[in-house]
Amino acid sequence: MDAVLVLFLGLTPPLMSLWLLHHLETHAQERLRQTSQAVRPLSKPSRMVGDLHYIDGYGYVLGEVRCRYNARSVHLRCAVMPTGPCAGCPHFQESLESLN
């Protein structure tokens, strides 16, 4: 009888651990499924095709590429006016480096 009790007490923590792990994994998968259904895809920002420029070594760049403050990114124009527009920007400064 003592051997059965020792065996039971020895196996209880690992079995409970496996059960809890399975339960939490199932719960996490359910929450992930609910979240993926609730999240809408991000809409693409509306920008003119002429606003994107391709530069060798950088790829596509948004905004005025000659400006010193250009972020050289497809997502962000610059630190001064991230959403633009570049045309008529009072902060425009010609960059010293050539990106052609």
C-alpha atoms as a PDB file:
ATOM      1  CA  MET A   1       0.000   0.000   0.000  1.00  0.00           C
ATOM      2  CA  ASP A   2       2.875   2.352   0.792  1.00  0.00           C
ATOM      3  CA  ALA A   3       4.433   1.711  -2.623  1.00  0.00           C
ATOM      4  CA  VAL A   4       1.207   2.713  -4.389  1.00  0.00           C
ATOM      5  CA  LEU A   5       0.994   5.915  -2.351  1.00  0.00           C
ATOM      6  CA  VAL A   6       4.635   6.811  -3.140  1.00  0.00           C
ATOM      7  CA  LEU A   7       4.062   6.042  -6.831  1.00  0.00           C
ATOM      8  CA  PHE A   8       0.890   8.157  -6.854  1.00  0.00           C
ATOM      9  CA  LEU A   9       2.611  11.082  -5.113  1.00  0.00           C
ATOM     10  CA  GLY A  10       5.596  10.811  -7.465  1.00  0.00           C
ATOM     11  CA  LEU A  11       3.541  10.820 -10.654  1.00  0.00           C
ATOM     12  CA  THR A  12       0.995  13.465  -9.674  1.00  0.00           C
ATOM     13  CA  PRO A  13       3.158  16.615 -10.258  1.00  0.00           C
ATOM     14  CA  PRO A  14       4.360  15.628 -13.772  1.00  0.00           C
ATOM     15  CA  LEU A  15       0.859  14.569 -14.829  1.00  0.00           C
ATOM     16  CA  MET A  16      -0.641  17.808 -13.509  1.00  0.00           C
ATOM     17  CA  SER A  17       2.101  19.743 -15.271  1.00  0.00           C
ATOM     18  CA  LEU A  18       1.319  18.037 -18.589  1.00  0.00           C
ATOM     19  CA  TRP A  19      -2.397  18.685 -18.150  1.00  0.00           C
ATOM     20  CA  LEU A  20      -1.805  22.357 -17.315  1.00  0.00           C
ATOM     21  CA  LEU A  21       0.558  22.766 -20.288  1.00  0.00           C
ATOM     22  CA  HIS A  22      -2.038  21.281 -22.631  1.00  0.00           C
ATOM     23  CA  HIS A  23      -4.786  23.464 -21.159  1.00  0.00           C
ATOM     24  CA  LEU A  24      -2.731  26.671 -21.506  1.00  0.00           C
ATOM     25  CA  GLU A  25      -1.644  25.833 -25.050  1.00  0.00           C
ATOM     26  CA  THR A  26      -5.257  25.234 -26.078  1.00  0.00           C
ATOM     27  CA  HIS A  27      -6.281  28.515 -24.452  1.00  0.00           C
ATOM     28  CA  ALA A  28      -3.462  30.406 -26.205  1.00  0.00           C
ATOM     29  CA  GLN A  29      -4.400  28.936 -29.593  1.00  0.00           C
ATOM     30  CA  GLU A  30      -8.025  29.988 -29.062  1.00  0.00           C
ATOM     31  CA  ARG A  31      -7.011  33.541 -28.155  1.00  0.00           C
ATOM     32  CA  LEU A  32      -4.714  33.709 -31.184  1.00  0.00           C
ATOM     33  CA  ARG A  33      -7.552  32.556 -33.428  1.00  0.00           C
ATOM     34  CA  GLN A  34      -9.927  35.146 -31.963  1.00  0.00           C
ATOM     35  CA  THR A  35      -7.345  37.904 -32.319  1.00  0.00           C
ATOM     36  CA  SER A  36      -6.519  37.030 -35.913  1.00  0.00           C
ATOM     37  CA  GLN A  37     -10.211  37.180 -36.791  1.00  0.00           C
ATOM     38  CA  ALA A  38     -10.692  40.520 -35.014  1.00  0.00           C
ATOM     39  CA  VAL A  39      -7.703  42.308 -36.532  1.00  0.00           C
ATOM     40  CA  ARG A  40      -8.410  44.068 -39.791  1.00  0.00           C
ATOM     41  CA  PRO A  41      -5.633  44.327 -42.341  1.00  0.00           C
ATOM     42  CA  LEU A  42      -3.971  47.715 -42.432  1.00  0.00           C
ATOM     43  CA  SER A  43      -5.114  49.861 -45.283  1.00  0.00           C
ATOM     44  CA  LYS A  44      -2.461  51.088 -47.633  1.00  0.00           C
ATOM     45  CA  PRO A  45      -1.785  54.786 -47.261  1.00  0.00           C
ATOM     46  CA  SER A  46      -3.034  56.785 -50.183  1.00  0.00           C
ATOM     47  CA  ARG A  47      -0.114  58.336 -51.960  1.00  0.00           C
ATOM     48  CA  MET A  48       0.559  59.326 -55.492  1.00  0.00           C
ATOM     49  CA  VAL A  49       2.704  57.032 -57.631  1.00  0.00           C
ATOM     50  CA  GLY A  50       4.968  59.983 -58.383  1.00  0.00           C
ATOM     51  CA  ASP A  51       5.754  60.249 -54.677  1.00  0.00           C
ATOM     52  CA  LEU A  52       7.731  56.969 -54.676  1.00  0.00           C
ATOM     53  CA  HIS A  53      11.208  56.947 -56.181  1.00  0.00           C
ATOM     54  CA  TYR A  54      13.596  54.030 -56.704  1.00  0.00           C
ATOM     55  CA  ILE A  55      17.224  54.576 -55.706  1.00  0.00           C
ATOM     56  CA  ASP A  56      19.970  52.001 -56.200  1.00  0.00           C
ATOM     57  CA  GLY A  57      21.262  50.832 -52.840  1.00  0.00           C
ATOM     58  CA  TYR A  58      18.159  52.015 -50.943  1.00  0.00           C
ATOM     59  CA  GLY A  59      15.177  50.674 -52.871  1.00  0.00           C
ATOM     60  CA  TYR A  60      11.961  52.680 -52.956  1.00  0.00           C
ATOM     61  CA  VAL A  61      11.985  56.014 -51.156  1.00  0.00           C
ATOM     62  CA  LEU A  62       8.984  58.148 -50.291  1.00  0.00           C
ATOM     63  CA  GLY A  63       9.070  61.901 -50.774  1.00  0.00           C
ATOM     64  CA  GLU A  64      11.684  64.320 -52.055  1.00  0.00           C
ATOM     65  CA  VAL A  65      14.930  62.359 -52.243  1.00  0.00           C
ATOM     66  CA  ARG A  66      17.122  65.451 -52.544  1.00  0.00           C
ATOM     67  CA  CYS A  67      16.042  66.721 -49.116  1.00  0.00           C
ATOM     68  CA  ARG A  68      18.478  66.437 -46.230  1.00  0.00           C
ATOM     69  CA  TYR A  69      15.706  65.267 -43.866  1.00  0.00           C
ATOM     70  CA  ASN A  70      14.373  62.489 -46.139  1.00  0.00           C
ATOM     71  CA  ALA A  71      14.112  59.236 -44.169  1.00  0.00           C
ATOM     72  CA  ARG A  72      14.990  57.146 -47.235  1.00  0.00           C
ATOM     73  CA  SER A  73      12.101  54.854 -46.375  1.00  0.00           C
ATOM     74  CA  VAL A  74       8.970  53.681 -48.145  1.00  0.00           C
ATOM     75  CA  HIS A  75       6.946  54.244 -44.944  1.00  0.00           C
ATOM     76  CA  LEU A  76       8.130  57.660 -43.776  1.00  0.00           C
ATOM     77  CA  ARG A  77       9.068  60.821 -45.639  1.00  0.00           C
ATOM     78  CA  CYS A  78      11.118  62.623 -43.018  1.00  0.00           C
ATOM     79  CA  ALA A  79      11.406  63.499 -39.334  1.00  0.00           C
ATOM     80  CA  VAL A  80      10.123  67.050 -39.846  1.00  0.00           C
ATOM     81  CA  MET A  81       6.921  66.312 -41.810  1.00  0.00           C
ATOM     82  CA  PRO A  82       6.466  62.502 -41.862  1.00  0.00           C
ATOM     83  CA  THR A  83       3.142  62.578 -43.674  1.00  0.00           C
ATOM     84  CA  GLY A  84       4.132  65.314 -46.120  1.00  0.00           C
ATOM     85  CA  PRO A  85       3.631  66.835 -48.509  1.00  0.00           C
ATOM     86  CA  CYS A  86       7.159  67.553 -49.661  1.00  0.00           C
ATOM     87  CA  ALA A  87       6.085  70.129 -52.210  1.00  0.00           C
ATOM     88  CA  GLY A  88       6.523  73.559 -50.676  1.00  0.00           C
ATOM     89  CA  CYS A  89       7.900  72.240 -47.378  1.00  0.00           C
ATOM     90  CA  PRO A  90       9.548  75.110 -45.475  1.00  0.00           C
ATOM     91  CA  HIS A  91      12.144  72.711 -43.991  1.00  0.00           C
ATOM     92  CA  PHE A  92      13.504  71.485 -47.353  1.00  0.00           C
ATOM     93  CA  GLN A  93      17.301  71.508 -47.467  1.00  0.00           C
ATOM     94  CA  GLU A  94      19.289  70.180 -50.402  1.00  0.00           C
ATOM     95  CA  SER A  95      21.358  67.180 -49.294  1.00  0.00           C
ATOM     96  CA  LEU A  96      25.115  67.303 -49.758  1.00  0.00           C
ATOM     97  CA  GLU A  97      25.281  63.672 -50.894  1.00  0.00           C
ATOM     98  CA  SER A  98      24.009  62.607 -54.287  1.00  0.00           C
ATOM     99  CA  LEU A  99      21.584  59.672 -54.391  1.00  0.00           C
ATOM    100  CA  ASN A 100      21.319  59.331 -58.149  1.00  0.00           C
END
